[in-house]
């Protein structure tokens, strides 16, 4: 599977590093460029899935860079600018940009917007998926990356134990299918099912819900099918 690669272009290296820190924590691979020329070379040498471009750069500015990228590919493009005038936004979007955010920005908001664009580009368009769906699962605002064992919800990374992650990934990979506690125990623990196994599974499900659900008592993702088991709905 190819990693999701995001091109970040800004002549301010501190901003590039800030963006890299937050997006790398979500499992994305960041390609850095500090001017338009380096950005175009990066696009020629890498499979880029999304670009974040600063508008005000010397040489090739973000608007012209956006136009040139659009001639090459149809990836999502987010524009950054220190100026918040409406005309900047209008010009930016008219060049083919998909979204716009003003500096200074909230990194969590930027992460949320990146995920929103990627969800539309990759996860909702099978022709762009490149088999990513086998390893990266997106359910509303829940993202599960099997390759690097990361989970994020509403833009916030969650620390799941290896066992919790395997349970969540199994359920998410088989949406709509109900797994009994016995099935879950045998598939995850690889041991013979015994009387206390039911409680073991229940405790792990409860812990997962505490980490990914806004209201664990009324779970949105992992549903209980009473008398049968657990599932994540389609």
C-alpha atoms as a PDB file:
ATOM      1  CA  UNK A   1       0.000   0.000   0.000  1.00  0.00           C
ATOM      2  CA  UNK A   2       1.219   3.487  -0.795  1.00  0.00           C
ATOM      3  CA  UNK A   3       1.272   5.915   2.121  1.00  0.00           C
ATOM      4  CA  UNK A   4      -0.961   8.927   1.842  1.00  0.00           C
ATOM      5  CA  UNK A   5       1.459  11.668   0.849  1.00  0.00           C
ATOM      6  CA  UNK A   6       0.701  15.320   1.531  1.00  0.00           C
ATOM      7  CA  UNK A   7       2.737  18.096  -0.064  1.00  0.00           C
ATOM      8  CA  UNK A   8       3.217  21.120   2.207  1.00  0.00           C
ATOM      9  CA  UNK A   9       4.579  24.252   0.503  1.00  0.00           C
ATOM     10  CA  UNK A  10       5.438  27.406   2.439  1.00  0.00           C
ATOM     11  CA  UNK A  11       8.516  29.638   2.528  1.00  0.00           C
ATOM     12  CA  UNK A  12       8.121  29.792   6.317  1.00  0.00           C
ATOM     13  CA  UNK A  13       9.928  26.657   7.505  1.00  0.00           C
ATOM     14  CA  UNK A  14       8.413  26.876  11.002  1.00  0.00           C
ATOM     15  CA  UNK A  15       4.911  26.643   9.569  1.00  0.00           C
ATOM     16  CA  UNK A  16       5.911  23.689   7.414  1.00  0.00           C
ATOM     17  CA  UNK A  17       7.305  21.908  10.478  1.00  0.00           C
ATOM     18  CA  UNK A  18       4.181  22.706  12.517  1.00  0.00           C
ATOM     19  CA  UNK A  19       1.952  21.223   9.819  1.00  0.00           C
ATOM     20  CA  UNK A  20       4.229  18.208   9.488  1.00  0.00           C
ATOM     21  CA  UNK A  21       4.082  17.460  13.219  1.00  0.00           C
ATOM     22  CA  UNK A  22       0.288  17.416  13.310  1.00  0.00           C
ATOM     23  CA  UNK A  23      -0.298  15.546  10.061  1.00  0.00           C
ATOM     24  CA  UNK A  24       2.482  13.011  10.676  1.00  0.00           C
ATOM     25  CA  UNK A  25       0.823  12.127  13.976  1.00  0.00           C
ATOM     26  CA  UNK A  26      -2.211  11.076  11.944  1.00  0.00           C
ATOM     27  CA  UNK A  27      -0.127   8.679   9.862  1.00  0.00           C
ATOM     28  CA  UNK A  28       0.352  10.818   6.760  1.00  0.00           C
ATOM     29  CA  UNK A  29       3.705  11.097   5.000  1.00  0.00           C
ATOM     30  CA  UNK A  30       4.706  14.727   4.508  1.00  0.00           C
ATOM     31  CA  UNK A  31       6.654  16.006   1.508  1.00  0.00           C
ATOM     32  CA  UNK A  32       8.122  19.440   2.272  1.00  0.00           C
ATOM     33  CA  UNK A  33       8.864  22.270  -0.157  1.00  0.00           C
ATOM     34  CA  UNK A  34       9.734  25.888   0.535  1.00  0.00           C
ATOM     35  CA  UNK A  35       9.040  27.352  -2.907  1.00  0.00           C
ATOM     36  CA  UNK A  36       7.006  26.645  -6.006  1.00  0.00           C
ATOM     37  CA  UNK A  37       9.893  25.221  -8.023  1.00  0.00           C
ATOM     38  CA  UNK A  38      10.718  22.594  -5.404  1.00  0.00           C
ATOM     39  CA  UNK A  39       7.005  21.816  -5.104  1.00  0.00           C
ATOM     40  CA  UNK A  40       6.689  21.065  -8.825  1.00  0.00           C
ATOM     41  CA  UNK A  41       9.726  18.789  -8.660  1.00  0.00           C
ATOM     42  CA  UNK A  42       8.234  17.023  -5.654  1.00  0.00           C
ATOM     43  CA  UNK A  43       5.014  16.414  -7.580  1.00  0.00           C
ATOM     44  CA  UNK A  44       6.955  14.941 -10.489  1.00  0.00           C
ATOM     45  CA  UNK A  45       8.890  12.611  -8.183  1.00  0.00           C
ATOM     46  CA  UNK A  46       6.158  11.530  -5.741  1.00  0.00           C
ATOM     47  CA  UNK A  47       2.587  10.288  -5.808  1.00  0.00           C
ATOM     48  CA  UNK A  48       0.920  13.178  -3.991  1.00  0.00           C
ATOM     49  CA  UNK A  49      -2.627  12.786  -2.640  1.00  0.00           C
ATOM     50  CA  UNK A  50      -3.197  16.315  -1.289  1.00  0.00           C
ATOM     51  CA  UNK A  51      -1.347  19.662  -1.394  1.00  0.00           C
ATOM     52  CA  UNK A  52      -1.281  22.501   1.128  1.00  0.00           C
ATOM     53  CA  UNK A  53      -0.025  25.718  -0.504  1.00  0.00           C
ATOM     54  CA  UNK A  54       0.857  29.112   0.928  1.00  0.00           C
ATOM     55  CA  UNK A  55      -0.438  31.911  -1.294  1.00  0.00           C
ATOM     56  CA  UNK A  56       2.318  34.473  -0.645  1.00  0.00           C
ATOM     57  CA  UNK A  57       5.629  32.989  -1.795  1.00  0.00           C
ATOM     58  CA  UNK A  58       8.477  34.468  -3.837  1.00  0.00           C
ATOM     59  CA  UNK A  59       8.918  33.242  -7.402  1.00  0.00           C
ATOM     60  CA  UNK A  60       5.981  30.968  -8.177  1.00  0.00           C
ATOM     61  CA  UNK A  61       3.301  32.007  -5.688  1.00  0.00           C
ATOM     62  CA  UNK A  62       0.625  29.678  -4.358  1.00  0.00           C
ATOM     63  CA  UNK A  63      -2.010  30.777  -6.864  1.00  0.00           C
ATOM     64  CA  UNK A  64       0.186  30.047  -9.871  1.00  0.00           C
ATOM     65  CA  UNK A  65       1.388  26.829  -8.270  1.00  0.00           C
ATOM     66  CA  UNK A  66      -2.220  25.779  -7.793  1.00  0.00           C
ATOM     67  CA  UNK A  67      -2.924  26.402 -11.492  1.00  0.00           C
ATOM     68  CA  UNK A  68       0.103  24.354 -12.546  1.00  0.00           C
ATOM     69  CA  UNK A  69      -0.799  21.472 -10.249  1.00  0.00           C
ATOM     70  CA  UNK A  70      -4.310  21.459 -11.682  1.00  0.00           C
ATOM     71  CA  UNK A  71      -2.818  20.952 -15.162  1.00  0.00           C
ATOM     72  CA  UNK A  72      -1.074  17.817 -13.909  1.00  0.00           C
ATOM     73  CA  UNK A  73      -3.574  16.216 -11.542  1.00  0.00           C
ATOM     74  CA  UNK A  74      -6.882  16.555  -9.734  1.00  0.00           C
ATOM     75  CA  UNK A  75      -5.786  16.180  -6.114  1.00  0.00           C
ATOM     76  CA  UNK A  76      -7.360  18.227  -3.279  1.00  0.00           C
ATOM     77  CA  UNK A  77      -5.596  21.569  -2.727  1.00  0.00           C
ATOM     78  CA  UNK A  78      -5.816  23.684   0.443  1.00  0.00           C
ATOM     79  CA  UNK A  79      -4.622  27.292   0.303  1.00  0.00           C
ATOM     80  CA  UNK A  80      -2.979  29.106   3.233  1.00  0.00           C
ATOM     81  CA  UNK A  81      -2.734  32.876   3.521  1.00  0.00           C
ATOM     82  CA  UNK A  82      -1.827  35.465   6.143  1.00  0.00           C
ATOM     83  CA  UNK A  83      -4.371  37.772   4.549  1.00  0.00           C
ATOM     84  CA  UNK A  84      -8.030  37.093   5.252  1.00  0.00           C
ATOM     85  CA  UNK A  85      -9.672  39.425   2.743  1.00  0.00           C
ATOM     86  CA  UNK A  86     -12.518  37.816   0.833  1.00  0.00           C
ATOM     87  CA  UNK A  87     -10.840  38.583  -2.500  1.00  0.00           C
ATOM     88  CA  UNK A  88      -7.958  36.269  -1.562  1.00  0.00           C
ATOM     89  CA  UNK A  89     -10.412  33.482  -0.888  1.00  0.00           C
ATOM     90  CA  UNK A  90     -12.282  34.064  -4.128  1.00  0.00           C
ATOM     91  CA  UNK A  91      -9.085  34.182  -6.187  1.00  0.00           C
ATOM     92  CA  UNK A  92      -7.695  31.122  -4.451  1.00  0.00           C
ATOM     93  CA  UNK A  93     -10.754  29.015  -5.065  1.00  0.00           C
ATOM     94  CA  UNK A  94     -11.128  30.229  -8.650  1.00  0.00           C
ATOM     95  CA  UNK A  95      -7.684  28.828  -9.471  1.00  0.00           C
ATOM     96  CA  UNK A  96      -8.917  25.351  -8.585  1.00  0.00           C
ATOM     97  CA  UNK A  97      -8.303  25.194  -4.847  1.00  0.00           C
ATOM     98  CA  UNK A  98     -10.695  23.030  -2.815  1.00  0.00           C
ATOM     99  CA  UNK A  99     -10.465  24.861   0.498  1.00  0.00           C
ATOM    100  CA  UNK A 100      -8.917  27.904   2.131  1.00  0.00           C
ATOM    101  CA  UNK A 101      -7.670  28.639   5.644  1.00  0.00           C
ATOM    102  CA  UNK A 102      -6.233  31.868   7.052  1.00  0.00           C
ATOM    103  CA  UNK A 103      -3.093  32.215   9.158  1.00  0.00           C
ATOM    104  CA  UNK A 104      -2.756  31.925  12.050  1.00  0.00           C
ATOM    105  CA  UNK A 105      -4.745  28.698  11.975  1.00  0.00           C
ATOM    106  CA  UNK A 106      -5.748  26.095  14.526  1.00  0.00           C
ATOM    107  CA  UNK A 107      -3.733  22.954  13.682  1.00  0.00           C
ATOM    108  CA  UNK A 108      -6.650  20.721  14.680  1.00  0.00           C
ATOM    109  CA  UNK A 109      -8.909  22.582  12.261  1.00  0.00           C
ATOM    110  CA  UNK A 110      -6.342  22.116   9.512  1.00  0.00           C
ATOM    111  CA  UNK A 111      -6.147  18.377  10.272  1.00  0.00           C
ATOM    112  CA  UNK A 112      -9.949  18.116  10.167  1.00  0.00           C
ATOM    113  CA  UNK A 113     -10.092  19.873   6.795  1.00  0.00           C
ATOM    114  CA  UNK A 114      -7.353  17.662   5.386  1.00  0.00           C
ATOM    115  CA  UNK A 115      -9.242  14.557   6.478  1.00  0.00           C
ATOM    116  CA  UNK A 116     -12.462  15.896   4.983  1.00  0.00           C
ATOM    117  CA  UNK A 117     -10.801  16.483   1.616  1.00  0.00           C
ATOM    118  CA  UNK A 118      -9.055  13.110   1.637  1.00  0.00           C
ATOM    119  CA  UNK A 119     -12.280  11.352   2.548  1.00  0.00           C
ATOM    120  CA  UNK A 120     -13.959  12.763  -0.541  1.00  0.00           C
ATOM    121  CA  UNK A 121     -10.969  12.218  -2.805  1.00  0.00           C
ATOM    122  CA  UNK A 122      -9.824   8.763  -1.711  1.00  0.00           C
ATOM    123  CA  UNK A 123     -12.374   7.006   0.417  1.00  0.00           C
ATOM    124  CA  UNK A 124     -15.468   8.013  -1.548  1.00  0.00           C
ATOM    125  CA  UNK A 125     -13.848   7.500  -4.970  1.00  0.00           C
ATOM    126  CA  UNK A 126     -12.765   3.878  -5.500  1.00  0.00           C
ATOM    127  CA  UNK A 127     -10.792   4.764  -8.644  1.00  0.00           C
ATOM    128  CA  UNK A 128      -8.426   6.804  -6.463  1.00  0.00           C
ATOM    129  CA  UNK A 129      -8.146   4.309  -3.657  1.00  0.00           C
ATOM    130  CA  UNK A 130      -5.023   2.400  -4.782  1.00  0.00           C
ATOM    131  CA  UNK A 131      -6.110  -0.427  -2.453  1.00  0.00           C
ATOM    132  CA  UNK A 132      -5.798   1.929   0.539  1.00  0.00           C
ATOM    133  CA  UNK A 133      -9.207   0.830   1.799  1.00  0.00           C
ATOM    134  CA  UNK A 134      -7.695  -2.523   2.722  1.00  0.00           C
ATOM    135  CA  UNK A 135      -5.468  -0.878   5.287  1.00  0.00           C
ATOM    136  CA  UNK A 136      -7.102   2.469   6.032  1.00  0.00           C
ATOM    137  CA  UNK A 137     -10.707   2.478   7.141  1.00  0.00           C
ATOM    138  CA  UNK A 138     -12.793   5.629   7.472  1.00  0.00           C
ATOM    139  CA  UNK A 139     -16.202   5.602   9.185  1.00  0.00           C
ATOM    140  CA  UNK A 140     -17.552   9.133   9.486  1.00  0.00           C
ATOM    141  CA  UNK A 141     -14.887  10.892  11.616  1.00  0.00           C
ATOM    142  CA  UNK A 142     -13.214   7.640  12.704  1.00  0.00           C
ATOM    143  CA  UNK A 143      -9.972   6.747  10.901  1.00  0.00           C
ATOM    144  CA  UNK A 144      -8.189   3.419  11.420  1.00  0.00           C
ATOM    145  CA  UNK A 145      -4.779   2.858   9.818  1.00  0.00           C
ATOM    146  CA  UNK A 146      -3.722  -0.778  10.010  1.00  0.00           C
ATOM    147  CA  UNK A 147      -0.245  -0.229   8.606  1.00  0.00           C
ATOM    148  CA  UNK A 148       0.896   2.010  11.461  1.00  0.00           C
ATOM    149  CA  UNK A 149      -1.768   0.923  13.995  1.00  0.00           C
ATOM    150  CA  UNK A 150      -3.175   4.398  14.564  1.00  0.00           C
ATOM    151  CA  UNK A 151      -6.722   5.446  15.360  1.00  0.00           C
ATOM    152  CA  UNK A 152      -8.108   8.970  15.317  1.00  0.00           C
ATOM    153  CA  UNK A 153     -11.577  10.325  15.962  1.00  0.00           C
ATOM    154  CA  UNK A 154     -12.708  13.889  15.237  1.00  0.00           C
ATOM    155  CA  UNK A 155      -9.094  14.770  14.456  1.00  0.00           C
ATOM    156  CA  UNK A 156      -7.755  13.479  17.792  1.00  0.00           C
ATOM    157  CA  UNK A 157      -5.402  10.520  17.983  1.00  0.00           C
ATOM    158  CA  UNK A 158      -6.383   7.700  20.358  1.00  0.00           C
ATOM    159  CA  UNK A 159      -4.048   5.277  22.094  1.00  0.00           C
ATOM    160  CA  UNK A 160      -5.441   1.766  21.800  1.00  0.00           C
ATOM    161  CA  UNK A 161      -3.659  -1.311  23.066  1.00  0.00           C
ATOM    162  CA  UNK A 162      -2.718  -3.868  20.386  1.00  0.00           C
ATOM    163  CA  UNK A 163      -5.633  -6.082  21.400  1.00  0.00           C
ATOM    164  CA  UNK A 164      -8.108  -3.202  21.395  1.00  0.00           C
ATOM    165  CA  UNK A 165      -6.852  -2.148  17.956  1.00  0.00           C
ATOM    166  CA  UNK A 166      -7.251  -5.670  16.533  1.00  0.00           C
ATOM    167  CA  UNK A 167     -10.825  -5.908  17.816  1.00  0.00           C
ATOM    168  CA  UNK A 168     -11.732  -2.515  16.369  1.00  0.00           C
ATOM    169  CA  UNK A 169     -10.092  -3.247  13.017  1.00  0.00           C
ATOM    170  CA  UNK A 170     -11.805  -6.642  12.770  1.00  0.00           C
ATOM    171  CA  UNK A 171     -15.241  -5.131  13.387  1.00  0.00           C
ATOM    172  CA  UNK A 172     -14.588  -2.177  11.068  1.00  0.00           C
ATOM    173  CA  UNK A 173     -13.313  -4.469   8.309  1.00  0.00           C
ATOM    174  CA  UNK A 174     -16.547  -6.454   8.434  1.00  0.00           C
ATOM    175  CA  UNK A 175     -19.151  -3.732   8.780  1.00  0.00           C
ATOM    176  CA  UNK A 176     -22.656  -5.086   9.212  1.00  0.00           C
ATOM    177  CA  UNK A 177     -21.500  -8.506  10.394  1.00  0.00           C
ATOM    178  CA  UNK A 178     -22.272  -9.492  13.975  1.00  0.00           C
ATOM    179  CA  UNK A 179     -19.423 -11.172  15.843  1.00  0.00           C
ATOM    180  CA  UNK A 180     -20.258 -13.254  18.894  1.00  0.00           C
ATOM    181  CA  UNK A 181     -17.990 -12.934  21.920  1.00  0.00           C
ATOM    182  CA  UNK A 182     -16.762 -16.442  21.178  1.00  0.00           C
ATOM    183  CA  UNK A 183     -15.810 -15.507  17.605  1.00  0.00           C
ATOM    184  CA  UNK A 184     -14.030 -12.373  18.753  1.00  0.00           C
ATOM    185  CA  UNK A 185     -12.120 -14.240  21.448  1.00  0.00           C
ATOM    186  CA  UNK A 186     -10.988 -17.015  19.104  1.00  0.00           C
ATOM    187  CA  UNK A 187      -9.938 -14.616  16.322  1.00  0.00           C
ATOM    188  CA  UNK A 188      -8.150 -12.089  18.509  1.00  0.00           C
ATOM    189  CA  UNK A 189      -6.721 -14.167  21.346  1.00  0.00           C
ATOM    190  CA  UNK A 190      -6.183 -17.341  19.253  1.00  0.00           C
ATOM    191  CA  UNK A 191      -7.125 -19.495  22.234  1.00  0.00           C
ATOM    192  CA  UNK A 192      -9.855 -21.929  23.173  1.00  0.00           C
ATOM    193  CA  UNK A 193     -13.019 -20.197  24.388  1.00  0.00           C
ATOM    194  CA  UNK A 194     -13.781 -20.730  28.079  1.00  0.00           C
ATOM    195  CA  UNK A 195     -16.366 -19.477  30.573  1.00  0.00           C
ATOM    196  CA  UNK A 196     -14.519 -16.296  31.517  1.00  0.00           C
ATOM    197  CA  UNK A 197     -13.770 -15.313  27.913  1.00  0.00           C
ATOM    198  CA  UNK A 198     -17.070 -13.481  27.619  1.00  0.00           C
ATOM    199  CA  UNK A 199     -16.070 -11.019  30.346  1.00  0.00           C
ATOM    200  CA  UNK A 200     -12.650 -10.559  28.750  1.00  0.00           C
ATOM    201  CA  UNK A 201     -14.235  -9.494  25.463  1.00  0.00           C
ATOM    202  CA  UNK A 202     -16.800  -7.270  27.184  1.00  0.00           C
ATOM    203  CA  UNK A 203     -14.091  -5.407  29.112  1.00  0.00           C
ATOM    204  CA  UNK A 204     -12.128  -4.737  25.937  1.00  0.00           C
ATOM    205  CA  UNK A 205     -15.227  -3.530  24.089  1.00  0.00           C
ATOM    206  CA  UNK A 206     -15.993  -1.185  26.975  1.00  0.00           C
ATOM    207  CA  UNK A 207     -12.457   0.230  26.913  1.00  0.00           C
ATOM    208  CA  UNK A 208     -12.582   0.766  23.146  1.00  0.00           C
ATOM    209  CA  UNK A 209     -15.895   2.603  23.479  1.00  0.00           C
ATOM    210  CA  UNK A 210     -14.454   4.829  26.199  1.00  0.00           C
ATOM    211  CA  UNK A 211     -11.728   5.873  23.774  1.00  0.00           C
ATOM    212  CA  UNK A 212     -13.651   6.356  20.509  1.00  0.00           C
ATOM    213  CA  UNK A 213     -17.236   7.086  21.501  1.00  0.00           C
ATOM    214  CA  UNK A 214     -18.471  10.520  22.533  1.00  0.00           C
ATOM    215  CA  UNK A 215     -21.041   8.780  24.738  1.00  0.00           C
ATOM    216  CA  UNK A 216     -19.946   5.196  25.528  1.00  0.00           C
ATOM    217  CA  UNK A 217     -23.404   4.469  26.977  1.00  0.00           C
ATOM    218  CA  UNK A 218     -24.964   5.262  23.610  1.00  0.00           C
ATOM    219  CA  UNK A 219     -22.283   4.119  21.173  1.00  0.00           C
ATOM    220  CA  UNK A 220     -22.296   5.377  17.614  1.00  0.00           C
ATOM    221  CA  UNK A 221     -19.750   2.931  16.237  1.00  0.00           C
ATOM    222  CA  UNK A 222     -19.658  -0.395  18.095  1.00  0.00           C
ATOM    223  CA  UNK A 223     -23.214  -1.619  18.534  1.00  0.00           C
ATOM    224  CA  UNK A 224     -24.365  -4.406  20.844  1.00  0.00           C
ATOM    225  CA  UNK A 225     -26.711  -6.968  19.310  1.00  0.00           C
ATOM    226  CA  UNK A 226     -28.287  -8.322  22.458  1.00  0.00           C
ATOM    227  CA  UNK A 227     -27.939 -12.068  22.877  1.00  0.00           C
ATOM    228  CA  UNK A 228     -25.686 -12.299  19.810  1.00  0.00           C
ATOM    229  CA  UNK A 229     -22.593 -10.100  19.939  1.00  0.00           C
ATOM    230  CA  UNK A 230     -21.133  -6.867  18.522  1.00  0.00           C
ATOM    231  CA  UNK A 231     -20.966  -5.124  15.180  1.00  0.00           C
ATOM    232  CA  UNK A 232     -20.112  -1.888  13.451  1.00  0.00           C
ATOM    233  CA  UNK A 233     -23.009  -0.963  11.214  1.00  0.00           C
ATOM    234  CA  UNK A 234     -22.680  -0.236   7.493  1.00  0.00           C
END
